[in-house]
Amino acid sequence: MKYVTEQSNSFTDRKIKLECPTELLMLKTGVFCCLLDDVLTFCWGNSSFFTTIGHSEESFCSRFHDLRQYYAKFPNEFAAIRQELEQALEEGCSDFEMTIRLPLPNGGFSWARLYGTIRKDSVTDRLILWGELAGVDALVAEKEEQERLYRQKLDYFHFMLDTYEGNVYVSDMDTYELLYLNRNSCDVLGVPAVKAVGRKCYEVIQGRTSPCPFCTNAKLTPDEFYEWEFANPVLERTFMIKNRVINWEGRRARLELSHDMYSEEYKLAKKDQERDALIRSVPGGLTRVDGRDMRTVLWYSGSFLNLIGYTKEQFEGELHSQYDYVHPDDMEHVTAVMLQARESGKSTAVESRVVTRDGAVRILMVTYSYVSGEDSWDGIPSYYSVGVDVTAERTEQARQRQALEDAFKAAQIASDAKTNFLSSMSHDIRTPMNAIIGMSVIAQANLQSPEKIQDCLNKINVSSRHLLSLINEVLDMSKIESGKIDLLAEQTSLPEMIEDVMDVFRPLAAEKRQELQVNADHVRHETVVTDQNRLQQVLVNLLSNAVKYTPEGGTVGLRVREVPSFAKDKGQYEFIVTDNGIGMSEDFIPHIFEPFSRAEESRTNQIQGTGLGMAITQNIVRMMNGTIEVKSALGTGSQFIVAVPFDLCLEAEENNEELSGLPVLVVDDDRIICESAAEILDELGMRSNWVLSGKEAVRCVVDAHEAKDDYFSVILDWKMPEMDGLQTLKVIRKKLGMDVPIIIISAYDYSDIEAEFKNAGADAFITKPLFKSKISRTFHQICQSGRSDATALPTREPHSSLEGKRVLLVEDNQLNREIAAELLTMHGFIVDTAENGRLAVEKFKVLPSGTYDCILMDIQMPVMDGYQAAEALRALDHEDAKTVPILALTANAFASDIGKAHSAGMNDHVAKPIEVDQLLETLQKWIR
C-alpha cells in the first residue's frame, strides 16, 4: 500500500478537518469517510452511521481516532479492509465491496455490507475512503442457521449409516473409489475401513478388475433406490442390494445398502426395522383412542404432538390426553365417522380441523380403524387412526380456486373491455375513413374547382394522419404485449428532444387557447443515452391527453427536472406533466394504465381515443427502468410524474470567460422560471437579477442605466399579466433606445408575432424550457456576431438541390411504387423501379458505376425480400456495391426492424406511410 503510506506521512504535522456533506446527514443509509492512510483516520460519518454502530457521534470521536482503534478487538477485520483497499489500488479500481463486522459498544458486533469508493477529496486534494453500510445481520444469521441445520442433518445421516444393521458402501461414481464403509461391512469383508477406503469398490467387494455392470447402469438415480439381487462369489453369499445416487461431501457418489437374505437373525432385525421404518414413514401422527368414551388418547406416535402443537407435558397436563384439540364445530361429525367404523367394521376417513395450543387452525385427513375389546391385546376397544396435515394442500386449493375465479373475472372484464374497445375503435376508425371516402367523392365531383379540391385534400390529409395514429397505437400495444418491442439506445440532446415534443404539442394547445407552462429545473446534464423516439412518445402521449382533457382556456404544463443521483455516470430525471382539466375519479386511477380502459364519464366519452395510450406509456417507462406516478381528482386536473434513469454523456466544457460578470435581468411572471434562469446565469458566471412584472422590469432597467451599471441583456417573457412582453419591450426601447439586447422567451410558437417583436426592437427568441445550452449559445452569439444576428435555436440548413439524382426504387406493390416514384419525381429525382429484390440485384450489377445515387428498398417482397436483396447487393463484385446508400422503405418501423436493416447492410430506415420531409432529409443525408 505504498501510495497510501506516502500520503499518510503528509498529514503527520497538521490536522485535516473534513465535514459530512449536508445532503448526507439525514440519509437513512450509513455513510462515513476516512483518510487513506495506514490507520484509516476517521473524518466524518452521517447520523445513520453512528446509529448503525451503536455510538453517539461524541462517544465515537472521543474514543476512536481511526478505524484501527475502532477494530482493536477485531484486528483481522481491519486487516481485511486494508487488503481490499490495497487490491483496489493495485488494480486501478475506485470501487469495492465486502461483508464486515461492526463492533458494538456492548462487546458484540453486527454484520454489514461495505460499499467503498476511493476518491480524491476536493478540499484537501488527498485520497479518501468513502464508505456506505447496509445491514446484513438477518442474511448472515439465516446463512449460519442453514449451515447448522445442514451439519446437523449430515451428522445424523452418518450416524444412521454407522448404526445400520446391514452393509453400507459409498463409492465415487466417476472413479469407483470407496469413500465410506460402515462397521458391519468391514466385518463381512474382513478388512478394516482404513485399508478399504480409497481403493476401487469392485476390487474390494467383488474381487473384480473392472467395474460391475450393475453399478454403472442408467437406472441409478438420485430420486429412488434401484434394487437388485447379487450372488457374490468371493464372499459366497447372496445379497439383496439397494443402490442410489447421493451427494457425498461434494462428490457424486453411489450409496449401496445390502444384507444377507438368508440370515435368520437379520430377518428378525429386518422385520423390526421395517416396522419402525413403516411408522417413521407415515407423514403424520398415529393415535389409539379409547373406544369406550371416544375421547381419551391411550397411545400416540409419529408426529402427532407436532400436528396438534403441544408438547408431551402440555398434552397430558393441560388436555389430560383428551380429544379436545379437535375443533368444536367438527367434533360431532368426527364422532359420527368413528361410530360408522365400529358399525361397518371397515376403515373410515374424515377431514377435520384441529386447534393448536397457540390458536392456529390446521386441517387434518384422519383415518379410523376399530378394534373390539375381544380382539384387542389388552381388552380395551380402540380406534387406531392416522392423521395427516393437509392444511397446505387445502390452502393451496383455496388459493388456486380463488385465482381461477379472479382469472375468470379478469378474463370476463378483459373480454368486455375488448368488446367495448372494438366497438369504440370501429367508431374511431370509421370516422376518419368516412371523411377520407367522403372527401374523395367530393373532390371527384369538383374537378373543375381547384380551391374545393385543395380543401378536400387537406381534410383527407388530416383524417389519414389521425387514422394512422390509431393504427400505430394498436400495433404498438400488440408489440409490447408479445414482448417484441426493443429500446434503441442513442445519444440524445434533451433540449432538442423537448423542442421536438413542443413542436407537436404547441399547435394542439393553441387550438384550445390553453396557457402553457414549460420549465427546466436543475438540468445540469443535457446529453444522455436513451431511446429518443420512445421517450418522445411518452411525453407526447401525456401532453396530448392533458390537452384533450383540459377545456379551452385551461392550463397545461411540462417540467423537466434532474434530481441528484449517487450512481456514477448515471442521471435521474423527472418529467412532470400537469393540467387543470377534468381530472379522474379516485376509483379509476388504479385502472388508468390498463389496456382498453377509459373513464366512463360523459365528457370523456366524446373524446376520441383507443384507450391504449397510457398502457403503452407505462410499458415504455418500465422498459426504461423508470416509474410513472399519477395524482388526480375530479374537477381539479391531473399530474403525471415520469422518473427515469439515463446514462450520461461527457459534455465539453464551454469557455464562458467572455460572459463573466455581465449583468442580466430576467423578467417572467412565473417565479420558478425566474429562479431557474437566474441559477443558470450564475453558473455561466454572469450576474443575475429577476422581477415578476413588466413594470418592475422597466424600473430596474432605468435605475441601472441611471446608476451607469446597465444590464448586458434582458430576458423577457412574451405573455405576462397587466403589461405583457411586447408592451414592456416598447417602453424599454423608448427609454433606453437600442443599447440593451433584449431576448424574448415563450412557451408558445412565436412565428406569428416574430416580425412585430423584431420591429419593436427584440434581438433574439428562445423557446421554453430554458436550458443552459440555449442561453449560453444566445449570449455567445450576441457577443460575437452582434445583436441582430442572434438566435437561440440553430436554423436548419435548407436541403441542397437533389435535382437530377438517380434512385432505384424497389417495391412490389404497384400502387405504392407509383406513389413513391411520383413523390420523388416531383422533387427532381430520376427514378428507376424494380418489382422485387432479385430484379433489383440483376439490374444493378449490369449497370456501370455511378448509375445510382441511392437505392430505396422495400422489405416484404416475393422472390427475394429487402434484407436478402441488400445482402446480395453488398456481396456483388461491383465498384459501387459497398458504397451505394441503401435505405429501407418499409412499414416495419420498430427498433428490432431498424437493427435488422442495418445488419443486412442498409444505411438507414424510412418508415411508411412516407413522410415526404423525412424522406428528403434522409436522402439529403446520404446522397453526396
Foldseek 3Di string as FASTA:
>chain_A
DVVQAVQVVVCPPDDDADEDDPVCQPDLWKKFKFASHPQRFGHYIHPNNCVQQAHDPVVPVVQDRGVCSQCVVPNVQVVVVNVVVVVCVVVVHFWDKDKGWRQHPVGHTFIWIKIWGWDQDPPPRGIMIMIIIDGDRVVVVVVVVVVVVVVVVVVVVVVCQQPPPFWKWKAFLPPQFTADTHPRNCVLLVHDPVVRGGDHPCCSQQVDPDDDPVSNDPVAEQPAWDWDWDQRPVSRAIKIKTWHWDQDVNGTIIMITIHGPPDPVVVVVVVVVVVVVVLQPQQFKKFKAFPVVRWATPDIDHCDCVVQAHDPCCCCPVVVRTNVQFDPVCVVVVVVQQVVLVVVQDKGWDWGWGAHPVGDIWIKIKIWGWDALVRDPNSTTIIIMTIHTCRVVVVVVVVVVVVVVVVVVVVVVVVVLVVVLVVQVVVQLVVLVVLLVVLVVVCVVPVVDPVSNVVSVVSNVVSVVSNVVQVVLVVLVVCLVVVNFDWDKDKDFQVVLVVVLLVVQQVLLVVLQEAEAEAEFAPPFRIFITRSVLVSLLVNLLSVVQSLQAGRHWYKYWYKYWDDDPDPQKTKIKIKIWIQGQWDAPVCVVVLLPASDDDPDPSVVVGRDSSRSSVSSQSSLVVQVWHWDKDTHGRGIIMIMIMGMTRGDDDDDDDLPVQAAAEEEEEALDVSQQVRVCVLSVVSNYHYDYDNDLVVVLVVQVVCVVVVNHHQAYEAEADDPPQGRQNSLLSNCVVPNQRHAYEYEYQHDCPVCVVVSVVSRHQEYDYDDDDSQLVSQQVVCCVPPNRNPGYSDDDDDDQDQPAAAEEEEEAQDPVVSVVVCVLCVVRHYHYHYHNALVRVLVVVQVDAPPPHQAYEAEADHPPAGRLRSLLSQCPDPHPCSLQRAYEYEYQPPGPVVQVSSVVSRHDYYAHPPGDSVVVSVVSSVRGD
